[in-house]
């Protein structure tokens, strides 16, 4: 999946395709989050803090897997 680089202290890049959100962290770990609505993805990309938005709206709310 193609990811877009973001300006964040914790997240390096974010991708989205077919309701799958892929997040690459600065430590090199990559996670996929499943069944993510498009509005949540857009909210993440437009958030002033990508990490805070991810923690508040996605982590522990959607199924995920580390790649």
Protein backbone atom coordinates (compact mmCIF):
# COMPACT_ATOMS: atom_id res chain seq x y z
CA UNK A 1 0.00 0.00 0.00
CA UNK A 2 1.27 3.45 -0.86
CA UNK A 3 1.66 5.68 2.19
CA UNK A 4 1.90 9.46 2.43
CA UNK A 5 4.60 10.94 4.63
CA UNK A 6 3.25 13.10 7.46
CA UNK A 7 4.73 15.62 9.84
CA UNK A 8 4.47 13.98 13.25
CA UNK A 9 6.72 13.27 16.20
CA UNK A 10 5.53 9.63 16.30
CA UNK A 11 4.14 8.73 12.85
CA UNK A 12 6.23 8.59 9.66
CA UNK A 13 3.58 7.79 7.04
CA UNK A 14 -0.09 6.89 6.57
CA UNK A 15 -1.87 4.97 3.82
CA UNK A 16 -5.50 4.11 3.19
CA UNK A 17 -7.06 1.66 0.74
CA UNK A 18 -10.26 -0.42 0.79
CA UNK A 19 -11.09 0.56 4.40
CA UNK A 20 -7.62 -0.46 5.59
CA UNK A 21 -5.53 2.17 7.33
CA UNK A 22 -1.79 1.55 7.35
CA UNK A 23 0.39 3.51 9.77
CA UNK A 24 4.18 3.49 9.81
CA UNK A 25 5.66 4.78 13.04
CA UNK A 26 9.02 6.50 13.37
CA UNK A 27 10.39 3.41 15.14
CA UNK A 28 9.84 1.44 11.91
CA UNK A 29 6.82 -0.56 13.05
CA UNK A 30 3.88 -0.76 10.64
CA UNK A 31 0.28 -1.46 11.67
CA UNK A 32 -2.84 -2.03 9.65
CA UNK A 33 -6.22 -1.06 11.10
CA UNK A 34 -9.31 -2.65 9.55
CA UNK A 35 -12.81 -1.42 8.65
CA UNK A 36 -11.83 2.23 8.98
CA UNK A 37 -14.53 4.57 7.60
CA UNK A 38 -13.31 7.13 5.08
CA UNK A 39 -14.33 10.04 7.35
CA UNK A 40 -12.05 8.69 10.11
CA UNK A 41 -9.15 8.52 7.64
CA UNK A 42 -9.78 12.10 6.50
CA UNK A 43 -10.03 13.21 10.13
CA UNK A 44 -6.65 11.63 10.83
CA UNK A 45 -5.02 13.25 7.82
CA UNK A 46 -6.47 16.68 8.68
CA UNK A 47 -5.79 16.52 12.42
CA UNK A 48 -3.37 18.99 13.95
CA UNK A 49 -1.86 16.02 15.83
CA UNK A 50 -1.91 12.74 13.92
CA UNK A 51 -0.77 10.78 16.97
CA UNK A 52 -3.44 12.20 19.26
CA UNK A 53 -6.17 11.59 16.70
CA UNK A 54 -4.97 8.03 16.16
CA UNK A 55 -4.95 7.36 19.91
CA UNK A 56 -8.38 8.91 20.49
CA UNK A 57 -10.31 7.63 17.48
CA UNK A 58 -8.66 4.48 16.14
CA UNK A 59 -6.47 2.60 18.63
CA UNK A 60 -8.48 0.09 20.71
CA UNK A 61 -11.59 0.87 18.61
CA UNK A 62 -10.74 -1.06 15.45
CA UNK A 63 -9.15 -4.44 14.81
CA UNK A 64 -5.48 -4.17 13.87
CA UNK A 65 -2.39 -6.18 13.08
CA UNK A 66 1.31 -5.42 13.12
CA UNK A 67 3.00 -6.21 9.81
